[in-house]
Amino acid sequence: MNTVQLNHSAMPAYLNEALTPMSLNEELVRIRIQEAQRFAEEQRLANRLASAQRWRRLSRWAGRRAARFDL
């Protein structure tokens, strides 16, 4: 009969530890928090870009207006 013996040191650490429902829950929460942080960073970047575009547009408008009244 062929038997396979697993050496505990060869198994990954996460398989050696007994995963409880709480630690699995904590892992899911950690992943959700990371996703929320990533989304918030993307939103900040998008808002900065939109703000820069608004200021650029306002600057061009102000330049054209100033040129109109230049004597």
PDB file of N, CA and C in Angstrom:
ATOM      1  N   MET A   1       0.834  -1.173   0.000  1.00  0.00           N
ATOM      2  CA  MET A   1       0.000   0.000   0.000  1.00  0.00           C
ATOM      3  C   MET A   1       0.883   1.241   0.000  1.00  0.00           C
ATOM      4  N   ASN A   2       0.555   2.169  -0.908  1.00  0.00           N
ATOM      5  CA  ASN A   2       1.319   3.408  -0.993  1.00  0.00           C
ATOM      6  C   ASN A   2       0.713   4.443  -0.054  1.00  0.00           C
ATOM      7  N   THR A   3       1.534   5.003   0.767  1.00  0.00           N
ATOM      8  CA  THR A   3       1.071   6.074   1.653  1.00  0.00           C
ATOM      9  C   THR A   3       1.950   7.293   1.443  1.00  0.00           C
ATOM     10  N   VAL A   4       1.321   8.420   1.536  1.00  0.00           N
ATOM     11  CA  VAL A   4       2.049   9.678   1.399  1.00  0.00           C
ATOM     12  C   VAL A   4       2.073  10.338   2.757  1.00  0.00           C
ATOM     13  N   GLN A   5       3.263  10.681   3.190  1.00  0.00           N
ATOM     14  CA  GLN A   5       3.390  11.374   4.464  1.00  0.00           C
ATOM     15  C   GLN A   5       3.754  12.827   4.196  1.00  0.00           C
ATOM     16  N   LEU A   6       3.031  13.692   4.833  1.00  0.00           N
ATOM     17  CA  LEU A   6       3.309  15.114   4.677  1.00  0.00           C
ATOM     18  C   LEU A   6       4.157  15.590   5.840  1.00  0.00           C
ATOM     19  N   ASN A   7       5.201  16.269   5.511  1.00  0.00           N
ATOM     20  CA  ASN A   7       6.039  16.884   6.519  1.00  0.00           C
ATOM     21  C   ASN A   7       5.413  18.233   6.850  1.00  0.00           C
ATOM     22  N   HIS A   8       5.163  18.487   8.112  1.00  0.00           N
ATOM     23  CA  HIS A   8       4.499  19.732   8.494  1.00  0.00           C
ATOM     24  C   HIS A   8       5.304  20.957   8.098  1.00  0.00           C
ATOM     25  N   SER A   9       6.617  20.850   8.060  1.00  0.00           N
ATOM     26  CA  SER A   9       7.422  22.016   7.700  1.00  0.00           C
ATOM     27  C   SER A   9       7.299  22.321   6.208  1.00  0.00           C
ATOM     28  N   ALA A  10       6.869  21.356   5.400  1.00  0.00           N
ATOM     29  CA  ALA A  10       6.720  21.576   3.966  1.00  0.00           C
ATOM     30  C   ALA A  10       5.384  22.222   3.630  1.00  0.00           C
ATOM     31  N   MET A  11       4.442  22.195   4.553  1.00  0.00           N
ATOM     32  CA  MET A  11       3.126  22.772   4.304  1.00  0.00           C
ATOM     33  C   MET A  11       3.172  24.280   4.522  1.00  0.00           C
ATOM     34  N   PRO A  12       2.414  25.025   3.748  1.00  0.00           N
ATOM     35  CA  PRO A  12       2.372  26.476   3.951  1.00  0.00           C
ATOM     36  C   PRO A  12       1.871  26.821   5.346  1.00  0.00           C
ATOM     37  N   ALA A  13       2.291  27.964   5.829  1.00  0.00           N
ATOM     38  CA  ALA A  13       1.951  28.375   7.193  1.00  0.00           C
ATOM     39  C   ALA A  13       0.442  28.490   7.384  1.00  0.00           C
ATOM     40  N   TYR A  14      -0.261  28.987   6.353  1.00  0.00           N
ATOM     41  CA  TYR A  14      -1.701  29.173   6.529  1.00  0.00           C
ATOM     42  C   TYR A  14      -2.442  27.846   6.648  1.00  0.00           C
ATOM     43  N   LEU A  15      -1.841  26.744   6.161  1.00  0.00           N
ATOM     44  CA  LEU A  15      -2.478  25.440   6.335  1.00  0.00           C
ATOM     45  C   LEU A  15      -2.147  24.851   7.698  1.00  0.00           C
ATOM     46  N   ASN A  16      -1.024  25.249   8.267  1.00  0.00           N
ATOM     47  CA  ASN A  16      -0.646  24.752   9.585  1.00  0.00           C
ATOM     48  C   ASN A  16      -1.507  25.370  10.676  1.00  0.00           C
ATOM     49  N   GLU A  17      -1.876  26.621  10.487  1.00  0.00           N
ATOM     50  CA  GLU A  17      -2.674  27.302  11.497  1.00  0.00           C
ATOM     51  C   GLU A  17      -4.133  26.877  11.356  1.00  0.00           C
ATOM     52  N   ALA A  18      -4.782  26.746  12.468  1.00  0.00           N
ATOM     53  CA  ALA A  18      -6.208  26.414  12.432  1.00  0.00           C
ATOM     54  C   ALA A  18      -6.975  27.699  12.150  1.00  0.00           C
ATOM     55  N   LEU A  19      -7.603  27.770  10.987  1.00  0.00           N
ATOM     56  CA  LEU A  19      -8.368  28.961  10.643  1.00  0.00           C
ATOM     57  C   LEU A  19      -9.732  28.884  11.309  1.00  0.00           C
ATOM     58  N   THR A  20      -9.997  29.859  12.115  1.00  0.00           N
ATOM     59  CA  THR A  20     -11.297  29.916  12.769  1.00  0.00           C
ATOM     60  C   THR A  20     -12.189  30.835  11.944  1.00  0.00           C
ATOM     61  N   PRO A  21     -13.491  30.731  12.104  1.00  0.00           N
ATOM     62  CA  PRO A  21     -14.375  31.638  11.371  1.00  0.00           C
ATOM     63  C   PRO A  21     -14.057  33.110  11.658  1.00  0.00           C
ATOM     64  N   MET A  22     -13.605  33.411  12.862  1.00  0.00           N
ATOM     65  CA  MET A  22     -13.282  34.791  13.202  1.00  0.00           C
ATOM     66  C   MET A  22     -12.073  35.267  12.405  1.00  0.00           C
ATOM     67  N   SER A  23     -11.035  34.473  12.294  1.00  0.00           N
ATOM     68  CA  SER A  23      -9.857  34.928  11.565  1.00  0.00           C
ATOM     69  C   SER A  23     -10.167  35.044  10.071  1.00  0.00           C
ATOM     70  N   LEU A  24     -11.014  34.192   9.558  1.00  0.00           N
ATOM     71  CA  LEU A  24     -11.432  34.302   8.167  1.00  0.00           C
ATOM     72  C   LEU A  24     -12.239  35.588   7.982  1.00  0.00           C
ATOM     73  N   ASN A  25     -13.100  35.866   8.945  1.00  0.00           N
ATOM     74  CA  ASN A  25     -13.882  37.094   8.922  1.00  0.00           C
ATOM     75  C   ASN A  25     -12.968  38.316   8.965  1.00  0.00           C
ATOM     76  N   GLU A  26     -11.964  38.267   9.811  1.00  0.00           N
ATOM     77  CA  GLU A  26     -11.016  39.376   9.918  1.00  0.00           C
ATOM     78  C   GLU A  26     -10.271  39.576   8.608  1.00  0.00           C
ATOM     79  N   GLU A  27      -9.916  38.482   7.957  1.00  0.00           N
ATOM     80  CA  GLU A  27      -9.223  38.562   6.667  1.00  0.00           C
ATOM     81  C   GLU A  27     -10.113  39.223   5.616  1.00  0.00           C
ATOM     82  N   LEU A  28     -11.392  38.863   5.596  1.00  0.00           N
ATOM     83  CA  LEU A  28     -12.327  39.479   4.652  1.00  0.00           C
ATOM     84  C   LEU A  28     -12.491  40.973   4.933  1.00  0.00           C
ATOM     85  N   VAL A  29     -12.544  41.330   6.204  1.00  0.00           N
ATOM     86  CA  VAL A  29     -12.647  42.742   6.577  1.00  0.00           C
ATOM     87  C   VAL A  29     -11.403  43.487   6.125  1.00  0.00           C
ATOM     88  N   ARG A  30     -10.235  42.888   6.325  1.00  0.00           N
ATOM     89  CA  ARG A  30      -8.980  43.519   5.914  1.00  0.00           C
ATOM     90  C   ARG A  30      -8.972  43.766   4.405  1.00  0.00           C
ATOM     91  N   ILE A  31      -9.446  42.794   3.640  1.00  0.00           N
ATOM     92  CA  ILE A  31      -9.500  42.937   2.179  1.00  0.00           C
ATOM     93  C   ILE A  31     -10.465  44.057   1.797  1.00  0.00           C
ATOM     94  N   ARG A  32     -11.622  44.116   2.455  1.00  0.00           N
ATOM     95  CA  ARG A  32     -12.597  45.180   2.158  1.00  0.00           C
ATOM     96  C   ARG A  32     -12.032  46.559   2.484  1.00  0.00           C
ATOM     97  N   ILE A  33     -11.302  46.644   3.584  1.00  0.00           N
ATOM     98  CA  ILE A  33     -10.698  47.924   3.964  1.00  0.00           C
ATOM     99  C   ILE A  33      -9.677  48.348   2.923  1.00  0.00           C
ATOM    100  N   GLN A  34      -8.856  47.402   2.463  1.00  0.00           N
ATOM    101  CA  GLN A  34      -7.859  47.723   1.436  1.00  0.00           C
ATOM    102  C   GLN A  34      -8.536  48.189   0.150  1.00  0.00           C
ATOM    103  N   GLU A  35      -9.609  47.519  -0.243  1.00  0.00           N
ATOM    104  CA  GLU A  35     -10.344  47.920  -1.447  1.00  0.00           C
ATOM    105  C   GLU A  35     -10.937  49.317  -1.280  1.00  0.00           C
ATOM    106  N   ALA A  36     -11.471  49.601  -0.099  1.00  0.00           N
ATOM    107  CA  ALA A  36     -12.045  50.925   0.158  1.00  0.00           C
ATOM    108  C   ALA A  36     -10.962  51.999   0.106  1.00  0.00           C
ATOM    109  N   GLN A  37      -9.786  51.689   0.657  1.00  0.00           N
ATOM    110  CA  GLN A  37      -8.682  52.650   0.617  1.00  0.00           C
ATOM    111  C   GLN A  37      -8.214  52.882  -0.811  1.00  0.00           C
ATOM    112  N   ARG A  38      -8.141  51.815  -1.593  1.00  0.00           N
ATOM    113  CA  ARG A  38      -7.736  51.936  -2.998  1.00  0.00           C
ATOM    114  C   ARG A  38      -8.758  52.788  -3.771  1.00  0.00           C
ATOM    115  N   PHE A  39     -10.037  52.546  -3.535  1.00  0.00           N
ATOM    116  CA  PHE A  39     -11.091  53.314  -4.199  1.00  0.00           C
ATOM    117  C   PHE A  39     -11.006  54.790  -3.804  1.00  0.00           C
ATOM    118  N   ALA A  40     -10.782  55.055  -2.510  1.00  0.00           N
ATOM    119  CA  ALA A  40     -10.685  56.437  -2.038  1.00  0.00           C
ATOM    120  C   ALA A  40      -9.504  57.145  -2.692  1.00  0.00           C
ATOM    121  N   GLU A  41      -8.376  56.458  -2.837  1.00  0.00           N
ATOM    122  CA  GLU A  41      -7.210  57.056  -3.489  1.00  0.00           C
ATOM    123  C   GLU A  41      -7.508  57.362  -4.953  1.00  0.00           C
ATOM    124  N   GLU A  42      -8.189  56.456  -5.635  1.00  0.00           N
ATOM    125  CA  GLU A  42      -8.563  56.697  -7.033  1.00  0.00           C
ATOM    126  C   GLU A  42      -9.499  57.897  -7.142  1.00  0.00           C
ATOM    127  N   GLN A  43     -10.431  58.023  -6.196  1.00  0.00           N
ATOM    128  CA  GLN A  43     -11.349  59.162  -6.202  1.00  0.00           C
ATOM    129  C   GLN A  43     -10.594  60.470  -5.976  1.00  0.00           C
ATOM    130  N   ARG A  44      -9.618  60.453  -5.042  1.00  0.00           N
ATOM    131  CA  ARG A  44      -8.822  61.662  -4.798  1.00  0.00           C
ATOM    132  C   ARG A  44      -8.071  62.072  -6.053  1.00  0.00           C
ATOM    133  N   LEU A  45      -7.486  61.096  -6.753  1.00  0.00           N
ATOM    134  CA  LEU A  45      -6.766  61.404  -7.990  1.00  0.00           C
ATOM    135  C   LEU A  45      -7.705  61.980  -9.045  1.00  0.00           C
ATOM    136  N   ALA A  46      -8.882  61.385  -9.181  1.00  0.00           N
ATOM    137  CA  ALA A  46      -9.859  61.873 -10.159  1.00  0.00           C
ATOM    138  C   ALA A  46     -10.310  63.292  -9.810  1.00  0.00           C
ATOM    139  N   ASN A  47     -10.519  63.560  -8.527  1.00  0.00           N
ATOM    140  CA  ASN A  47     -10.938  64.905  -8.107  1.00  0.00           C
ATOM    141  C   ASN A  47      -9.843  65.929  -8.363  1.00  0.00           C
ATOM    142  N   ARG A  48      -8.580  65.535  -8.120  1.00  0.00           N
ATOM    143  CA  ARG A  48      -7.471  66.453  -8.397  1.00  0.00           C
ATOM    144  C   ARG A  48      -7.386  66.773  -9.880  1.00  0.00           C
ATOM    145  N   LEU A  49      -7.573  65.758 -10.712  1.00  0.00           N
ATOM    146  CA  LEU A  49      -7.533  65.968 -12.158  1.00  0.00           C
ATOM    147  C   LEU A  49      -8.657  66.906 -12.600  1.00  0.00           C
ATOM    148  N   ALA A  50      -9.858  66.663 -12.110  1.00  0.00           N
ATOM    149  CA  ALA A  50     -10.997  67.511 -12.474  1.00  0.00           C
ATOM    150  C   ALA A  50     -10.766  68.945 -12.007  1.00  0.00           C
ATOM    151  N   SER A  51     -10.213  69.100 -10.815  1.00  0.00           N
ATOM    152  CA  SER A  51      -9.934  70.435 -10.297  1.00  0.00           C
ATOM    153  C   SER A  51      -8.892  71.146 -11.157  1.00  0.00           C
ATOM    154  N   ALA A  52      -7.844  70.438 -11.545  1.00  0.00           N
ATOM    155  CA  ALA A  52      -6.806  71.032 -12.397  1.00  0.00           C
ATOM    156  C   ALA A  52      -7.392  71.454 -13.739  1.00  0.00           C
ATOM    157  N   GLN A  53      -8.272  70.639 -14.279  1.00  0.00           N
ATOM    158  CA  GLN A  53      -8.901  70.985 -15.556  1.00  0.00           C
ATOM    159  C   GLN A  53      -9.782  72.230 -15.421  1.00  0.00           C
ATOM    160  N   ARG A  54     -10.528  72.328 -14.314  1.00  0.00           N
ATOM    161  CA  ARG A  54     -11.365  73.517 -14.086  1.00  0.00           C
ATOM    162  C   ARG A  54     -10.510  74.775 -13.978  1.00  0.00           C
ATOM    163  N   TRP A  55      -9.411  74.693 -13.214  1.00  0.00           N
ATOM    164  CA  TRP A  55      -8.544  75.863 -13.059  1.00  0.00           C
ATOM    165  C   TRP A  55      -7.889  76.244 -14.383  1.00  0.00           C
ATOM    166  N   ARG A  56      -7.506  75.250 -15.174  1.00  0.00           N
ATOM    167  CA  ARG A  56      -6.900  75.526 -16.481  1.00  0.00           C
ATOM    168  C   ARG A  56      -7.906  76.233 -17.392  1.00  0.00           C
ATOM    169  N   ARG A  57      -9.143  75.755 -17.391  1.00  0.00           N
ATOM    170  CA  ARG A  57     -10.201  76.368 -18.202  1.00  0.00           C
ATOM    171  C   ARG A  57     -10.465  77.807 -17.741  1.00  0.00           C
ATOM    172  N   LEU A  58     -10.528  78.011 -16.428  1.00  0.00           N
ATOM    173  CA  LEU A  58     -10.749  79.349 -15.887  1.00  0.00           C
ATOM    174  C   LEU A  58      -9.586  80.272 -16.253  1.00  0.00           C
ATOM    175  N   SER A  59      -8.376  79.742 -16.191  1.00  0.00           N
ATOM    176  CA  SER A  59      -7.193  80.534 -16.530  1.00  0.00           C
ATOM    177  C   SER A  59      -7.223  80.972 -17.995  1.00  0.00           C
ATOM    178  N   ARG A  60      -7.599  80.058 -18.883  1.00  0.00           N
ATOM    179  CA  ARG A  60      -7.692  80.416 -20.309  1.00  0.00           C
ATOM    180  C   ARG A  60      -8.766  81.476 -20.528  1.00  0.00           C
ATOM    181  N   TRP A  61      -9.906  81.313 -19.865  1.00  0.00           N
ATOM    182  CA  TRP A  61     -10.988  82.288 -19.988  1.00  0.00           C
ATOM    183  C   TRP A  61     -10.528  83.661 -19.493  1.00  0.00           C
ATOM    184  N   ALA A  62      -9.843  83.677 -18.330  1.00  0.00           N
ATOM    185  CA  ALA A  62      -9.370  84.944 -17.776  1.00  0.00           C
ATOM    186  C   ALA A  62      -8.343  85.586 -18.707  1.00  0.00           C
ATOM    187  N   GLY A  63      -7.487  84.770 -19.328  1.00  0.00           N
ATOM    188  CA  GLY A  63      -6.506  85.298 -20.275  1.00  0.00           C
ATOM    189  C   GLY A  63      -7.172  85.920 -21.489  1.00  0.00           C
ATOM    190  N   ARG A  64      -8.187  85.252 -22.021  1.00  0.00           N
ATOM    191  CA  ARG A  64      -8.911  85.799 -23.180  1.00  0.00           C
ATOM    192  C   ARG A  64      -9.629  87.097 -22.803  1.00  0.00           C
ATOM    193  N   ARG A  65     -10.223  87.104 -21.625  1.00  0.00           N
ATOM    194  CA  ARG A  65     -10.949  88.297 -21.168  1.00  0.00           C
ATOM    195  C   ARG A  65      -9.978  89.464 -20.973  1.00  0.00           C
ATOM    196  N   ALA A  66      -8.831  89.186 -20.378  1.00  0.00           N
ATOM    197  CA  ALA A  66      -7.840  90.243 -20.169  1.00  0.00           C
ATOM    198  C   ALA A  66      -7.333  90.774 -21.506  1.00  0.00           C
ATOM    199  N   ALA A  67      -7.156  89.881 -22.485  1.00  0.00           N
ATOM    200  CA  ALA A  67      -6.670  90.305 -23.804  1.00  0.00           C
ATOM    201  C   ALA A  67      -7.700  91.196 -24.495  1.00  0.00           C
ATOM    202  N   ARG A  68      -8.977  90.952 -24.269  1.00  0.00           N
ATOM    203  CA  ARG A  68     -10.038  91.756 -24.873  1.00  0.00           C
ATOM    204  C   ARG A  68     -10.008  93.199 -24.377  1.00  0.00           C
ATOM    205  N   PHE A  69      -9.681  93.358 -23.098  1.00  0.00           N
ATOM    206  CA  PHE A  69      -9.699  94.693 -22.507  1.00  0.00           C
ATOM    207  C   PHE A  69      -8.323  95.339 -22.494  1.00  0.00           C
ATOM    208  N   ASP A  70      -7.346  94.677 -23.087  1.00  0.00           N
ATOM    209  CA  ASP A  70      -5.990  95.233 -23.160  1.00  0.00           C
ATOM    210  C   ASP A  70      -5.977  96.388 -24.147  1.00  0.00           C
ATOM    211  N   LEU A  71      -5.382  97.463 -23.748  1.00  0.00           N
ATOM    212  CA  LEU A  71      -5.312  98.621 -24.658  1.00  0.00           C
ATOM    213  C   LEU A  71      -3.936  98.806 -25.196  1.00  0.00           C
TER     214      LEU A  71
END
